[in-house]
Amino acid sequence: MGRMLKPGFKPEVVTLTTLVNGLCIVGKLSRAVELVDVMEERGFQPNAITYGAIIKGLVRTGKTSLALGLLEKWEGRRSCRVNVVTYSTVLEGLCKEDG
């Protein structure tokens, strides 16, 4: 991952989103969140799929409160793009937590 973000090499957001999704699938959610932060710091624009992958991973592992907190944090950024699927994922997680 470090080599992908070095000067002179500019991967597509789709490539980085695939990496974020892979990290979420194997349970490395904190690394996925870190990668999104690095993406933004380096001028990459995460998209709804990027954010959705992390939200889905958090909800799937019972961390819906953290997912909601990140969603609220990200919504404050002009660059944040989320969609109805992302919101539905959080709502589904909240409903499961309430039983």
N, C-alpha and C. Protein backbone atom coordinates (compact mmCIF):
# COMPACT_ATOMS: atom_id res chain seq x y z
N MET A 1 0.83 -1.18 0.00
CA MET A 1 0.00 0.00 0.00
C MET A 1 0.87 1.24 0.00
N GLY A 2 1.93 1.25 0.79
CA GLY A 2 2.80 2.41 0.87
C GLY A 2 3.38 2.79 -0.48
N ARG A 3 3.77 1.77 -1.26
CA ARG A 3 4.32 2.04 -2.59
C ARG A 3 3.29 2.62 -3.53
N MET A 4 2.04 2.23 -3.35
CA MET A 4 0.98 2.73 -4.22
C MET A 4 0.74 4.21 -4.03
N LEU A 5 1.07 4.74 -2.86
CA LEU A 5 0.80 6.14 -2.57
C LEU A 5 2.03 7.02 -2.66
N LYS A 6 3.13 6.48 -3.16
CA LYS A 6 4.36 7.26 -3.30
C LYS A 6 4.23 8.26 -4.44
N PRO A 7 4.99 9.35 -4.36
CA PRO A 7 4.99 10.32 -5.47
C PRO A 7 5.38 9.63 -6.78
N GLY A 8 4.75 10.05 -7.84
CA GLY A 8 5.03 9.48 -9.15
C GLY A 8 4.14 8.31 -9.51
N PHE A 9 3.44 7.77 -8.56
CA PHE A 9 2.52 6.66 -8.81
C PHE A 9 1.17 7.07 -8.29
N LYS A 10 0.22 7.21 -9.17
CA LYS A 10 -1.10 7.66 -8.75
C LYS A 10 -2.14 6.60 -9.11
N PRO A 11 -2.46 5.74 -8.16
CA PRO A 11 -3.47 4.72 -8.44
C PRO A 11 -4.86 5.36 -8.55
N GLU A 12 -5.73 4.68 -9.22
CA GLU A 12 -7.11 5.14 -9.34
C GLU A 12 -7.83 4.94 -8.00
N VAL A 13 -8.86 5.74 -7.78
CA VAL A 13 -9.66 5.59 -6.57
C VAL A 13 -10.28 4.20 -6.52
N VAL A 14 -10.62 3.66 -7.67
CA VAL A 14 -11.20 2.31 -7.71
C VAL A 14 -10.22 1.29 -7.14
N THR A 15 -8.94 1.43 -7.45
CA THR A 15 -7.92 0.53 -6.93
C THR A 15 -7.84 0.63 -5.42
N LEU A 16 -7.81 1.85 -4.92
CA LEU A 16 -7.73 2.06 -3.47
C LEU A 16 -9.00 1.59 -2.78
N THR A 17 -10.15 1.79 -3.41
CA THR A 17 -11.41 1.32 -2.84
C THR A 17 -11.42 -0.21 -2.75
N THR A 18 -10.87 -0.87 -3.75
CA THR A 18 -10.76 -2.33 -3.72
C THR A 18 -9.90 -2.77 -2.54
N LEU A 19 -8.83 -2.05 -2.29
CA LEU A 19 -7.97 -2.36 -1.15
C LEU A 19 -8.71 -2.13 0.17
N VAL A 20 -9.45 -1.03 0.26
CA VAL A 20 -10.26 -0.75 1.46
C VAL A 20 -11.26 -1.88 1.68
N ASN A 21 -11.94 -2.29 0.63
CA ASN A 21 -12.93 -3.36 0.74
C ASN A 21 -12.28 -4.66 1.20
N GLY A 22 -11.11 -4.98 0.64
CA GLY A 22 -10.40 -6.19 1.05
C GLY A 22 -10.01 -6.16 2.52
N LEU A 23 -9.55 -5.01 2.99
CA LEU A 23 -9.21 -4.87 4.41
C LEU A 23 -10.44 -5.10 5.28
N CYS A 24 -11.58 -4.58 4.83
CA CYS A 24 -12.82 -4.77 5.60
C CYS A 24 -13.23 -6.24 5.62
N ILE A 25 -13.11 -6.90 4.51
CA ILE A 25 -13.50 -8.31 4.42
C ILE A 25 -12.69 -9.18 5.37
N VAL A 26 -11.40 -8.89 5.50
CA VAL A 26 -10.56 -9.70 6.39
C VAL A 26 -10.54 -9.18 7.82
N GLY A 27 -11.41 -8.20 8.12
CA GLY A 27 -11.55 -7.73 9.49
C GLY A 27 -10.56 -6.67 9.93
N LYS A 28 -9.83 -6.09 9.01
CA LYS A 28 -8.85 -5.05 9.37
C LYS A 28 -9.48 -3.67 9.15
N LEU A 29 -10.53 -3.43 9.92
CA LEU A 29 -11.32 -2.22 9.74
C LEU A 29 -10.56 -0.95 10.11
N SER A 30 -9.74 -1.01 11.14
CA SER A 30 -8.99 0.19 11.52
C SER A 30 -7.99 0.56 10.43
N ARG A 31 -7.40 -0.44 9.78
CA ARG A 31 -6.48 -0.17 8.66
C ARG A 31 -7.25 0.43 7.48
N ALA A 32 -8.47 -0.03 7.26
CA ALA A 32 -9.29 0.52 6.18
C ALA A 32 -9.60 1.99 6.42
N VAL A 33 -9.95 2.32 7.67
CA VAL A 33 -10.24 3.72 8.01
C VAL A 33 -8.98 4.56 7.85
N GLU A 34 -7.84 4.03 8.29
CA GLU A 34 -6.56 4.74 8.12
C GLU A 34 -6.28 5.00 6.65
N LEU A 35 -6.54 4.01 5.81
CA LEU A 35 -6.29 4.17 4.38
C LEU A 35 -7.15 5.28 3.79
N VAL A 36 -8.41 5.36 4.21
CA VAL A 36 -9.28 6.43 3.72
C VAL A 36 -8.73 7.79 4.15
N ASP A 37 -8.26 7.87 5.39
CA ASP A 37 -7.66 9.13 5.86
C ASP A 37 -6.44 9.51 5.03
N VAL A 38 -5.59 8.52 4.74
CA VAL A 38 -4.40 8.77 3.92
C VAL A 38 -4.81 9.18 2.51
N MET A 39 -5.82 8.51 1.96
CA MET A 39 -6.31 8.86 0.63
C MET A 39 -6.69 10.34 0.58
N GLU A 40 -7.45 10.77 1.58
CA GLU A 40 -7.90 12.16 1.60
C GLU A 40 -6.74 13.12 1.78
N GLU A 41 -5.79 12.76 2.64
CA GLU A 41 -4.62 13.61 2.86
C GLU A 41 -3.80 13.78 1.58
N ARG A 42 -3.78 12.75 0.76
CA ARG A 42 -2.97 12.77 -0.47
C ARG A 42 -3.75 13.26 -1.68
N GLY A 43 -4.97 13.74 -1.46
CA GLY A 43 -5.74 14.32 -2.55
C GLY A 43 -6.64 13.38 -3.32
N PHE A 44 -6.78 12.15 -2.85
CA PHE A 44 -7.70 11.22 -3.50
C PHE A 44 -9.10 11.47 -2.96
N GLN A 45 -10.09 11.28 -3.80
CA GLN A 45 -11.47 11.52 -3.41
C GLN A 45 -12.18 10.18 -3.23
N PRO A 46 -12.31 9.69 -1.99
CA PRO A 46 -13.07 8.46 -1.80
C PRO A 46 -14.49 8.65 -2.31
N ASN A 47 -15.10 7.57 -2.76
CA ASN A 47 -16.46 7.68 -3.27
C ASN A 47 -17.43 6.92 -2.36
N ALA A 48 -18.69 6.87 -2.77
CA ALA A 48 -19.71 6.22 -1.95
C ALA A 48 -19.38 4.76 -1.69
N ILE A 49 -18.75 4.11 -2.65
CA ILE A 49 -18.40 2.70 -2.48
C ILE A 49 -17.29 2.55 -1.44
N THR A 50 -16.35 3.48 -1.44
CA THR A 50 -15.26 3.46 -0.46
C THR A 50 -15.83 3.56 0.95
N TYR A 51 -16.64 4.60 1.17
CA TYR A 51 -17.22 4.80 2.49
C TYR A 51 -18.17 3.65 2.85
N GLY A 52 -18.94 3.20 1.88
CA GLY A 52 -19.89 2.13 2.13
C GLY A 52 -19.23 0.83 2.56
N ALA A 53 -18.05 0.54 2.00
CA ALA A 53 -17.34 -0.69 2.37
C ALA A 53 -16.98 -0.68 3.85
N ILE A 54 -16.51 0.45 4.33
CA ILE A 54 -16.14 0.55 5.75
C ILE A 54 -17.38 0.47 6.63
N ILE A 55 -18.43 1.20 6.26
CA ILE A 55 -19.66 1.18 7.05
C ILE A 55 -20.21 -0.24 7.11
N LYS A 56 -20.24 -0.93 5.98
CA LYS A 56 -20.75 -2.31 5.95
C LYS A 56 -19.91 -3.22 6.83
N GLY A 57 -18.59 -3.08 6.77
CA GLY A 57 -17.71 -3.90 7.60
C GLY A 57 -17.94 -3.67 9.08
N LEU A 58 -18.11 -2.41 9.46
CA LEU A 58 -18.35 -2.09 10.87
C LEU A 58 -19.69 -2.64 11.34
N VAL A 59 -20.72 -2.45 10.53
CA VAL A 59 -22.05 -2.93 10.91
C VAL A 59 -22.04 -4.46 11.00
N ARG A 60 -21.39 -5.11 10.04
CA ARG A 60 -21.33 -6.58 10.02
C ARG A 60 -20.67 -7.14 11.28
N THR A 61 -19.73 -6.38 11.86
CA THR A 61 -19.02 -6.85 13.05
C THR A 61 -19.62 -6.29 14.34
N GLY A 62 -20.83 -5.73 14.24
CA GLY A 62 -21.52 -5.25 15.43
C GLY A 62 -21.05 -3.91 15.94
N LYS A 63 -20.35 -3.15 15.12
CA LYS A 63 -19.83 -1.85 15.53
C LYS A 63 -20.62 -0.72 14.87
N THR A 64 -21.94 -0.83 14.97
CA THR A 64 -22.81 0.13 14.31
C THR A 64 -22.65 1.52 14.88
N SER A 65 -22.43 1.64 16.17
CA SER A 65 -22.24 2.97 16.77
C SER A 65 -21.02 3.65 16.18
N LEU A 66 -19.95 2.90 15.99
CA LEU A 66 -18.74 3.45 15.37
C LEU A 66 -19.02 3.83 13.91
N ALA A 67 -19.78 2.99 13.22
CA ALA A 67 -20.15 3.29 11.83
C ALA A 67 -20.93 4.59 11.75
N LEU A 68 -21.88 4.76 12.67
CA LEU A 68 -22.68 5.98 12.69
C LEU A 68 -21.81 7.19 12.99
N GLY A 69 -20.88 7.05 13.92
CA GLY A 69 -19.96 8.14 14.25
C GLY A 69 -19.10 8.54 13.07
N LEU A 70 -18.57 7.55 12.36
CA LEU A 70 -17.76 7.85 11.17
C LEU A 70 -18.61 8.51 10.09
N LEU A 71 -19.82 8.02 9.90
CA LEU A 71 -20.70 8.59 8.90
C LEU A 71 -20.97 10.06 9.21
N GLU A 72 -21.23 10.36 10.47
CA GLU A 72 -21.47 11.76 10.87
C GLU A 72 -20.22 12.61 10.66
N LYS A 73 -19.06 12.05 10.97
CA LYS A 73 -17.79 12.76 10.76
C LYS A 73 -17.57 13.03 9.28
N TRP A 74 -17.79 12.00 8.47
CA TRP A 74 -17.56 12.14 7.03
C TRP A 74 -18.56 13.09 6.39
N GLU A 75 -19.80 13.10 6.88
CA GLU A 75 -20.81 13.99 6.31
C GLU A 75 -20.41 15.45 6.44
N GLY A 76 -19.59 15.76 7.42
CA GLY A 76 -19.14 17.14 7.62
C GLY A 76 -18.12 17.59 6.59
N ARG A 77 -17.63 16.68 5.81
CA ARG A 77 -16.64 17.02 4.78
C ARG A 77 -17.35 17.25 3.45
N ARG A 78 -16.94 18.27 2.77
CA ARG A 78 -17.55 18.54 1.46
C ARG A 78 -17.29 17.41 0.48
N SER A 79 -16.16 16.75 0.64
CA SER A 79 -15.78 15.72 -0.32
C SER A 79 -16.49 14.39 -0.09
N CYS A 80 -17.16 14.25 1.04
CA CYS A 80 -17.78 12.97 1.37
C CYS A 80 -18.99 12.70 0.49
N ARG A 81 -18.98 11.55 -0.13
CA ARG A 81 -20.10 11.13 -0.96
C ARG A 81 -20.62 9.81 -0.41
N VAL A 82 -21.79 9.84 0.13
CA VAL A 82 -22.44 8.61 0.57
C VAL A 82 -23.76 8.50 -0.18
N ASN A 83 -24.33 7.32 -0.16
CA ASN A 83 -25.58 7.13 -0.88
C ASN A 83 -26.60 6.44 0.01
N VAL A 84 -27.75 6.16 -0.55
CA VAL A 84 -28.84 5.57 0.21
C VAL A 84 -28.45 4.19 0.74
N VAL A 85 -27.61 3.47 0.04
CA VAL A 85 -27.18 2.15 0.50
C VAL A 85 -26.40 2.27 1.80
N THR A 86 -25.54 3.28 1.89
CA THR A 86 -24.75 3.50 3.11
C THR A 86 -25.67 3.79 4.29
N TYR A 87 -26.63 4.69 4.08
CA TYR A 87 -27.58 5.01 5.16
C TYR A 87 -28.41 3.78 5.53
N SER A 88 -28.84 3.02 4.55
CA SER A 88 -29.64 1.82 4.82
C SER A 88 -28.85 0.80 5.63
N THR A 89 -27.56 0.68 5.35
CA THR A 89 -26.71 -0.25 6.08
C THR A 89 -26.64 0.13 7.56
N VAL A 90 -26.47 1.43 7.83
CA VAL A 90 -26.43 1.89 9.22
C VAL A 90 -27.78 1.67 9.89
N LEU A 91 -28.86 2.00 9.20
CA LEU A 91 -30.19 1.80 9.78
C LEU A 91 -30.45 0.33 10.09
N GLU A 92 -30.04 -0.54 9.19
CA GLU A 92 -30.20 -1.98 9.41
C GLU A 92 -29.43 -2.42 10.65
N GLY A 93 -28.21 -1.92 10.81
CA GLY A 93 -27.41 -2.25 11.98
C GLY A 93 -28.04 -1.76 13.26
N LEU A 94 -28.57 -0.54 13.23
CA LEU A 94 -29.23 0.01 14.41
C LEU A 94 -30.47 -0.80 14.78
N CYS A 95 -31.22 -1.23 13.79
CA CYS A 95 -32.41 -2.05 14.06
C CYS A 95 -32.04 -3.39 14.67
N LYS A 96 -30.96 -4.00 14.18
CA LYS A 96 -30.52 -5.28 14.73
C LYS A 96 -30.06 -5.13 16.18
N GLU A 97 -29.40 -4.01 16.48
CA GLU A 97 -28.93 -3.78 17.85
C GLU A 97 -30.10 -3.61 18.81
N ASP A 98 -31.18 -3.00 18.33
CA ASP A 98 -32.34 -2.77 19.19
C ASP A 98 -33.21 -4.01 19.33
N GLY A 99 -32.92 -5.01 18.52
CA GLY A 99 -33.63 -6.28 18.63
C GLY A 99 -34.93 -6.25 17.95
